[in-house]
């Protein structure tokens, strides 16, 4: 005997698995070293993202200044030092996009990291407090051979 409800539940399960699989693949694309594309502001900015157990290690270099921290990806606050000052960072995924919320005193900044199909990384920076205009920057993946030079 055919059970339409049971069949529908199976279809939902298969679709959910496909969506979660896509998110996981998109998340994996974020891992690596990224350098700001020429033509954007500055051009010397570099982000590096790598998994370390259940955490994500992020390194951000801008000229001589480099910040590095590890934080879970469950949205819990992590106490870090950014530019030598205490700050809180929270990381979580919204689908295949990594979201970072950075709090330095009263200043709050939100970043959204998204890997694109052309081996690029888009970072949208959204000032929360004080408010401001969001900015979009584009980065290219640094190849392993380029890092060794």
N, C-alpha and C. Protein backbone atom coordinates (compact mmCIF):
# COMPACT_ATOMS: atom_id res chain seq x y z
N UNK A 1 0.84 -1.17 0.00
CA UNK A 1 0.00 0.00 0.00
C UNK A 1 0.89 1.25 0.00
N UNK A 2 0.61 2.19 -0.85
CA UNK A 2 1.38 3.43 -1.00
C UNK A 2 0.95 4.44 0.06
N UNK A 3 1.90 5.03 0.72
CA UNK A 3 1.62 6.06 1.72
C UNK A 3 2.15 7.39 1.22
N UNK A 4 1.28 8.27 0.76
CA UNK A 4 1.73 9.56 0.24
C UNK A 4 2.50 10.38 1.27
N UNK A 5 2.09 10.34 2.52
CA UNK A 5 2.75 11.13 3.54
C UNK A 5 4.18 10.66 3.77
N UNK A 6 4.38 9.35 3.82
CA UNK A 6 5.73 8.81 4.00
C UNK A 6 6.61 9.14 2.80
N UNK A 7 6.06 9.07 1.61
CA UNK A 7 6.82 9.40 0.41
C UNK A 7 7.21 10.88 0.41
N UNK A 8 6.29 11.73 0.81
CA UNK A 8 6.59 13.16 0.87
C UNK A 8 7.69 13.44 1.89
N UNK A 9 7.66 12.74 3.02
CA UNK A 9 8.71 12.90 4.02
C UNK A 9 10.07 12.51 3.47
N UNK A 10 10.13 11.47 2.67
CA UNK A 10 11.38 11.04 2.04
C UNK A 10 11.90 12.08 1.07
N UNK A 11 11.00 12.70 0.31
CA UNK A 11 11.39 13.74 -0.64
C UNK A 11 11.96 14.95 0.12
N UNK A 12 11.31 15.33 1.21
CA UNK A 12 11.79 16.46 2.01
C UNK A 12 13.18 16.15 2.55
N UNK A 13 13.39 14.93 3.03
CA UNK A 13 14.70 14.53 3.56
C UNK A 13 15.77 14.63 2.48
N UNK A 14 15.48 14.13 1.28
CA UNK A 14 16.45 14.18 0.19
C UNK A 14 16.76 15.62 -0.20
N UNK A 15 15.74 16.47 -0.28
CA UNK A 15 15.96 17.88 -0.61
C UNK A 15 16.76 18.58 0.48
N UNK A 16 16.47 18.30 1.74
CA UNK A 16 17.22 18.91 2.83
C UNK A 16 18.68 18.48 2.78
N UNK A 17 18.94 17.22 2.51
CA UNK A 17 20.31 16.73 2.41
C UNK A 17 21.05 17.41 1.26
N UNK A 18 20.36 17.63 0.15
CA UNK A 18 20.99 18.30 -0.99
C UNK A 18 21.33 19.75 -0.65
N UNK A 19 20.42 20.43 0.03
CA UNK A 19 20.68 21.82 0.41
C UNK A 19 21.84 21.90 1.40
N UNK A 20 21.85 21.05 2.42
CA UNK A 20 22.93 21.05 3.40
C UNK A 20 24.25 20.69 2.74
N UNK A 21 24.24 19.79 1.77
CA UNK A 21 25.45 19.44 1.05
C UNK A 21 25.99 20.62 0.27
N UNK A 22 25.11 21.40 -0.36
CA UNK A 22 25.53 22.60 -1.08
C UNK A 22 26.16 23.61 -0.12
N UNK A 23 25.55 23.80 1.05
CA UNK A 23 26.10 24.73 2.04
C UNK A 23 27.49 24.29 2.47
N UNK A 24 27.65 22.99 2.70
CA UNK A 24 28.95 22.48 3.13
C UNK A 24 30.01 22.71 2.06
N UNK A 25 29.66 22.48 0.81
CA UNK A 25 30.60 22.71 -0.29
C UNK A 25 30.95 24.20 -0.39
N UNK A 26 29.95 25.07 -0.23
CA UNK A 26 30.20 26.52 -0.27
C UNK A 26 31.08 26.95 0.89
N UNK A 27 30.88 26.35 2.06
CA UNK A 27 31.69 26.68 3.23
C UNK A 27 33.14 26.26 3.00
N UNK A 28 33.33 25.08 2.42
CA UNK A 28 34.69 24.58 2.16
C UNK A 28 35.44 25.49 1.19
N UNK A 29 34.74 26.14 0.28
CA UNK A 29 35.37 27.04 -0.68
C UNK A 29 35.98 28.27 -0.02
N UNK A 30 35.52 28.61 1.18
CA UNK A 30 36.04 29.79 1.89
C UNK A 30 37.44 29.56 2.45
N UNK A 31 37.79 28.29 2.68
CA UNK A 31 39.06 27.97 3.31
C UNK A 31 40.20 28.27 2.34
N UNK A 32 41.18 29.03 2.81
CA UNK A 32 42.34 29.37 1.99
C UNK A 32 42.84 30.76 2.29
N UNK A 33 43.75 31.21 1.46
CA UNK A 33 44.33 32.54 1.60
C UNK A 33 43.84 33.41 0.45
N UNK A 34 43.43 34.63 0.78
CA UNK A 34 42.79 35.53 -0.18
C UNK A 34 43.47 36.89 -0.14
N UNK A 35 43.79 37.42 -1.33
CA UNK A 35 44.41 38.73 -1.44
C UNK A 35 43.50 39.64 -2.23
N UNK A 36 43.45 40.90 -1.80
CA UNK A 36 42.56 41.85 -2.44
C UNK A 36 42.90 41.99 -3.91
N UNK A 37 41.88 41.95 -4.75
CA UNK A 37 42.05 42.07 -6.19
C UNK A 37 42.55 43.45 -6.54
N UNK A 38 43.34 43.56 -7.59
CA UNK A 38 43.81 44.88 -8.02
C UNK A 38 42.61 45.70 -8.47
N UNK A 39 42.71 46.98 -8.27
CA UNK A 39 41.61 47.87 -8.63
C UNK A 39 40.73 48.21 -7.44
N UNK A 40 40.75 47.36 -6.41
CA UNK A 40 39.99 47.67 -5.19
C UNK A 40 40.85 48.60 -4.34
N UNK A 41 40.30 49.05 -3.24
CA UNK A 41 41.05 49.91 -2.33
C UNK A 41 42.30 49.20 -1.84
N UNK A 42 43.41 49.89 -1.88
CA UNK A 42 44.64 49.38 -1.27
C UNK A 42 45.33 48.29 -2.05
N UNK A 43 44.77 47.10 -2.09
CA UNK A 43 45.37 45.99 -2.81
C UNK A 43 46.31 45.17 -1.95
N UNK A 44 46.67 45.63 -0.73
CA UNK A 44 47.60 44.90 0.11
C UNK A 44 46.91 44.10 1.21
N UNK A 45 45.61 44.06 1.21
CA UNK A 45 44.86 43.38 2.26
C UNK A 45 44.79 41.88 1.98
N UNK A 46 45.02 41.05 3.03
CA UNK A 46 45.01 39.60 2.88
C UNK A 46 44.20 38.99 4.02
N UNK A 47 43.34 38.03 3.68
CA UNK A 47 42.59 37.24 4.65
C UNK A 47 42.99 35.78 4.48
N UNK A 48 43.13 35.08 5.59
CA UNK A 48 43.39 33.65 5.56
C UNK A 48 42.39 32.97 6.49
N UNK A 49 41.73 31.93 5.99
CA UNK A 49 40.76 31.18 6.80
C UNK A 49 41.14 29.71 6.76
N UNK A 50 41.21 29.09 7.94
CA UNK A 50 41.50 27.66 8.01
C UNK A 50 40.76 27.04 9.18
N UNK A 51 40.36 25.79 9.00
CA UNK A 51 39.67 25.09 10.07
C UNK A 51 40.70 24.47 11.01
N UNK A 52 40.39 24.55 12.30
CA UNK A 52 41.22 23.95 13.34
C UNK A 52 40.23 23.28 14.30
N UNK A 53 40.02 21.98 14.12
CA UNK A 53 39.03 21.27 14.92
C UNK A 53 37.64 21.83 14.65
N UNK A 54 36.96 22.24 15.71
CA UNK A 54 35.61 22.81 15.59
C UNK A 54 35.64 24.33 15.46
N UNK A 55 36.84 24.89 15.29
CA UNK A 55 36.99 26.35 15.22
C UNK A 55 37.49 26.77 13.85
N UNK A 56 37.46 28.06 13.65
CA UNK A 56 37.98 28.66 12.43
C UNK A 56 39.09 29.62 12.84
N UNK A 57 40.26 29.48 12.23
CA UNK A 57 41.35 30.42 12.47
C UNK A 57 41.31 31.45 11.35
N UNK A 58 41.26 32.72 11.75
CA UNK A 58 41.23 33.80 10.77
C UNK A 58 42.46 34.68 10.98
N UNK A 59 43.11 35.02 9.88
CA UNK A 59 44.23 35.94 9.90
C UNK A 59 43.90 37.05 8.93
N UNK A 60 44.08 38.29 9.37
CA UNK A 60 43.81 39.46 8.54
C UNK A 60 45.03 40.35 8.56
N UNK A 61 45.60 40.59 7.39
CA UNK A 61 46.78 41.45 7.27
C UNK A 61 46.44 42.65 6.42
N UNK A 62 46.87 43.80 6.91
CA UNK A 62 46.68 45.05 6.18
C UNK A 62 47.98 45.83 6.36
N UNK A 63 48.85 45.73 5.36
CA UNK A 63 50.16 46.36 5.47
C UNK A 63 50.98 45.65 6.53
N UNK A 64 51.50 46.39 7.49
CA UNK A 64 52.33 45.82 8.56
C UNK A 64 51.50 45.20 9.68
N UNK A 65 50.22 45.55 9.77
CA UNK A 65 49.37 45.11 10.86
C UNK A 65 48.73 43.76 10.54
N UNK A 66 48.88 42.80 11.45
CA UNK A 66 48.28 41.49 11.27
C UNK A 66 47.53 41.09 12.53
N UNK A 67 46.29 40.67 12.37
CA UNK A 67 45.48 40.14 13.46
C UNK A 67 45.23 38.67 13.19
N UNK A 68 45.30 37.85 14.24
CA UNK A 68 45.03 36.42 14.09
C UNK A 68 44.26 35.95 15.32
N UNK A 69 43.21 35.16 15.08
CA UNK A 69 42.45 34.59 16.18
C UNK A 69 41.76 33.32 15.72
N UNK A 70 41.39 32.50 16.69
CA UNK A 70 40.59 31.31 16.45
C UNK A 70 39.30 31.44 17.24
N UNK A 71 38.20 31.02 16.64
CA UNK A 71 36.90 31.14 17.29
C UNK A 71 36.00 30.02 16.78
N UNK A 72 35.07 29.57 17.63
CA UNK A 72 34.11 28.57 17.19
C UNK A 72 33.19 29.17 16.13
N UNK A 73 32.46 28.33 15.44
CA UNK A 73 31.56 28.82 14.39
C UNK A 73 30.09 28.65 14.79
N UNK A 74 29.87 28.67 16.10
CA UNK A 74 28.52 28.48 16.63
C UNK A 74 27.87 29.78 17.08
N UNK A 75 28.53 30.92 16.82
CA UNK A 75 27.95 32.21 17.18
C UNK A 75 28.25 32.67 18.59
N UNK A 76 29.06 31.90 19.34
CA UNK A 76 29.43 32.30 20.70
C UNK A 76 30.53 33.36 20.64
N UNK A 77 30.51 34.28 21.59
CA UNK A 77 31.55 35.32 21.65
C UNK A 77 32.90 34.70 21.99
N UNK A 78 33.92 35.18 21.32
CA UNK A 78 35.31 34.81 21.61
C UNK A 78 36.05 36.09 21.96
N UNK A 79 36.77 36.07 23.06
CA UNK A 79 37.60 37.21 23.45
C UNK A 79 38.89 37.16 22.64
N UNK A 80 39.21 38.23 21.92
CA UNK A 80 40.39 38.27 21.05
C UNK A 80 41.09 39.62 21.21
N UNK A 81 42.25 39.74 20.63
CA UNK A 81 42.95 41.02 20.52
C UNK A 81 43.03 41.37 19.05
N UNK A 82 42.55 42.56 18.71
CA UNK A 82 42.61 43.08 17.35
C UNK A 82 43.32 44.42 17.41
N UNK A 83 44.38 44.55 16.66
CA UNK A 83 45.21 45.76 16.69
C UNK A 83 45.70 46.05 18.11
N UNK A 84 45.96 44.98 18.87
CA UNK A 84 46.47 45.13 20.22
C UNK A 84 45.43 45.49 21.27
N UNK A 85 44.16 45.58 20.87
CA UNK A 85 43.09 45.96 21.79
C UNK A 85 42.10 44.82 21.95
N UNK A 86 41.51 44.74 23.15
CA UNK A 86 40.53 43.70 23.42
C UNK A 86 39.28 43.89 22.56
N UNK A 87 38.75 42.75 22.10
CA UNK A 87 37.54 42.78 21.29
C UNK A 87 36.82 41.45 21.46
N UNK A 88 35.58 41.41 20.99
CA UNK A 88 34.80 40.17 20.96
C UNK A 88 34.45 39.89 19.51
N UNK A 89 34.55 38.62 19.15
CA UNK A 89 34.21 38.19 17.79
C UNK A 89 33.27 37.00 17.89
N UNK A 90 32.26 36.98 17.06
CA UNK A 90 31.36 35.84 16.92
C UNK A 90 31.37 35.43 15.46
N UNK A 91 31.41 34.12 15.21
CA UNK A 91 31.38 33.58 13.85
C UNK A 91 30.25 32.57 13.73
N UNK A 92 29.55 32.59 12.61
CA UNK A 92 28.54 31.57 12.32
C UNK A 92 28.31 31.55 10.82
N UNK A 93 27.66 30.48 10.36
CA UNK A 93 27.33 30.36 8.95
C UNK A 93 25.86 30.64 8.74
N UNK A 94 25.58 31.38 7.69
CA UNK A 94 24.22 31.60 7.20
C UNK A 94 24.21 30.97 5.81
N UNK A 95 23.79 29.71 5.73
CA UNK A 95 23.92 28.97 4.49
C UNK A 95 25.40 28.75 4.21
N UNK A 96 25.85 29.10 3.02
CA UNK A 96 27.25 28.96 2.66
C UNK A 96 28.08 30.20 2.96
N UNK A 97 27.47 31.20 3.58
CA UNK A 97 28.14 32.46 3.87
C UNK A 97 28.61 32.49 5.33
N UNK A 98 29.88 32.89 5.54
CA UNK A 98 30.41 33.07 6.88
C UNK A 98 30.09 34.48 7.36
N UNK A 99 29.55 34.60 8.56
CA UNK A 99 29.23 35.89 9.14
C UNK A 99 30.13 36.11 10.36
N UNK A 100 30.74 37.28 10.42
CA UNK A 100 31.58 37.67 11.55
C UNK A 100 30.98 38.93 12.17
N UNK A 101 30.80 38.92 13.48
CA UNK A 101 30.36 40.10 14.20
C UNK A 101 31.49 40.48 15.14
N UNK A 102 32.02 41.68 14.96
CA UNK A 102 33.19 42.15 15.70
C UNK A 102 32.76 43.34 16.56
N UNK A 103 33.06 43.24 17.86
CA UNK A 103 32.70 44.30 18.80
C UNK A 103 33.96 44.80 19.48
N UNK A 104 34.25 46.10 19.30
CA UNK A 104 35.38 46.77 19.96
C UNK A 104 34.81 47.94 20.74
N UNK A 105 34.63 47.74 22.04
CA UNK A 105 33.98 48.79 22.84
C UNK A 105 32.56 48.99 22.34
N UNK A 106 32.23 50.23 21.97
CA UNK A 106 30.89 50.54 21.46
C UNK A 106 30.78 50.30 19.95
N UNK A 107 31.91 50.10 19.26
CA UNK A 107 31.88 49.89 17.81
C UNK A 107 31.53 48.45 17.48
N UNK A 108 30.58 48.28 16.56
CA UNK A 108 30.15 46.96 16.13
C UNK A 108 30.20 46.92 14.60
N UNK A 109 30.84 45.87 14.09
CA UNK A 109 31.03 45.72 12.65
C UNK A 109 30.63 44.30 12.26
N UNK A 110 29.91 44.18 11.17
CA UNK A 110 29.50 42.88 10.67
C UNK A 110 30.15 42.66 9.31
N UNK A 111 30.73 41.47 9.12
CA UNK A 111 31.29 41.11 7.82
C UNK A 111 30.62 39.82 7.34
N UNK A 112 30.39 39.77 6.03
CA UNK A 112 29.84 38.55 5.42
C UNK A 112 30.80 38.10 4.32
N UNK A 113 31.31 36.88 4.47
CA UNK A 113 32.29 36.30 3.55
C UNK A 113 31.56 35.30 2.65
N UNK A 114 31.70 35.48 1.34
CA UNK A 114 31.05 34.57 0.41
C UNK A 114 32.00 34.24 -0.73
N UNK A 115 32.24 32.94 -0.94
CA UNK A 115 33.05 32.48 -2.07
C UNK A 115 32.18 32.48 -3.31
N UNK A 116 32.74 32.95 -4.42
CA UNK A 116 31.99 32.97 -5.67
C UNK A 116 32.54 31.91 -6.61
N UNK A 117 31.81 31.64 -7.66
CA UNK A 117 32.18 30.59 -8.59
C UNK A 117 33.46 30.85 -9.36
N UNK A 118 33.93 32.08 -9.42
CA UNK A 118 35.13 32.40 -10.19
C UNK A 118 36.37 32.44 -9.30
N UNK A 119 36.40 31.60 -8.26
CA UNK A 119 37.53 31.49 -7.34
C UNK A 119 37.87 32.84 -6.71
N UNK A 120 36.81 33.53 -6.31
CA UNK A 120 36.96 34.83 -5.66
C UNK A 120 36.20 34.82 -4.34
N UNK A 121 36.55 35.75 -3.49
CA UNK A 121 35.89 35.92 -2.20
C UNK A 121 35.35 37.34 -2.14
N UNK A 122 34.07 37.45 -1.80
CA UNK A 122 33.47 38.76 -1.60
C UNK A 122 33.30 38.96 -0.10
N UNK A 123 33.73 40.12 0.39
CA UNK A 123 33.54 40.45 1.79
C UNK A 123 32.72 41.73 1.86
N UNK A 124 31.53 41.61 2.43
CA UNK A 124 30.69 42.77 2.65
C UNK A 124 30.89 43.23 4.09
N UNK A 125 31.29 44.48 4.27
CA UNK A 125 31.52 45.05 5.60
C UNK A 125 30.38 46.01 5.89
N UNK A 126 29.68 45.75 7.01
CA UNK A 126 28.50 46.53 7.36
C UNK A 126 28.71 47.16 8.73
N UNK A 127 28.89 48.49 8.80
CA UNK A 127 29.00 49.14 10.11
C UNK A 127 27.65 49.12 10.82
N UNK A 128 27.59 48.55 12.03
CA UNK A 128 26.35 48.48 12.79
C UNK A 128 26.25 49.67 13.75
N UNK A 129 27.33 49.88 14.53
CA UNK A 129 27.37 50.99 15.47
C UNK A 129 28.76 51.60 15.47
N UNK A 130 29.00 52.82 15.08
CA UNK A 130 27.97 53.68 14.50
C UNK A 130 27.60 53.18 13.11
N UNK A 131 26.41 53.50 12.70
CA UNK A 131 25.94 53.07 11.39
C UNK A 131 26.77 53.70 10.28
N UNK A 132 26.65 53.15 9.12
CA UNK A 132 27.38 53.68 7.98
C UNK A 132 27.01 52.92 6.73
N UNK A 133 27.67 53.26 5.67
CA UNK A 133 27.39 52.65 4.37
C UNK A 133 28.15 51.32 4.25
N UNK A 134 27.47 50.23 3.88
CA UNK A 134 28.15 48.95 3.67
C UNK A 134 29.13 49.05 2.50
N UNK A 135 30.23 48.29 2.59
CA UNK A 135 31.23 48.26 1.52
C UNK A 135 31.43 46.82 1.08
N UNK A 136 31.68 46.64 -0.21
CA UNK A 136 31.93 45.31 -0.76
C UNK A 136 33.34 45.29 -1.33
N UNK A 137 34.14 44.33 -0.88
CA UNK A 137 35.50 44.15 -1.40
C UNK A 137 35.61 42.77 -2.01
N UNK A 138 36.50 42.66 -2.99
CA UNK A 138 36.67 41.40 -3.72
C UNK A 138 38.12 40.95 -3.58
N UNK A 139 38.29 39.66 -3.30
CA UNK A 139 39.60 39.07 -3.10
C UNK A 139 39.76 37.87 -4.03
N UNK A 140 40.99 37.61 -4.43
CA UNK A 140 41.32 36.44 -5.26
C UNK A 140 42.09 35.44 -4.40
N UNK A 141 41.86 34.16 -4.67
CA UNK A 141 42.57 33.11 -3.95
C UNK A 141 44.06 33.18 -4.29
N UNK A 142 44.91 33.07 -3.27
CA UNK A 142 46.35 33.01 -3.46
C UNK A 142 46.69 31.54 -3.68
N UNK A 143 47.28 31.23 -4.81
CA UNK A 143 47.62 29.84 -5.10
C UNK A 143 48.77 29.38 -4.21
N UNK A 144 48.86 28.09 -3.99
CA UNK A 144 49.90 27.52 -3.13
C UNK A 144 51.27 27.84 -3.70
N UNK A 145 51.44 27.78 -5.02
CA UNK A 145 52.75 28.06 -5.62
C UNK A 145 53.13 29.53 -5.44
N UNK A 146 52.17 30.45 -5.45
CA UNK A 146 52.44 31.86 -5.25
C UNK A 146 52.88 32.13 -3.82
N UNK A 147 52.36 31.34 -2.85
CA UNK A 147 52.72 31.53 -1.44
C UNK A 147 54.16 31.12 -1.19
N UNK A 148 54.68 30.15 -1.94
CA UNK A 148 56.02 29.62 -1.71
C UNK A 148 57.11 30.52 -2.25
N UNK A 149 56.78 31.47 -3.11
CA UNK A 149 57.79 32.34 -3.72
C UNK A 149 58.34 33.32 -2.72
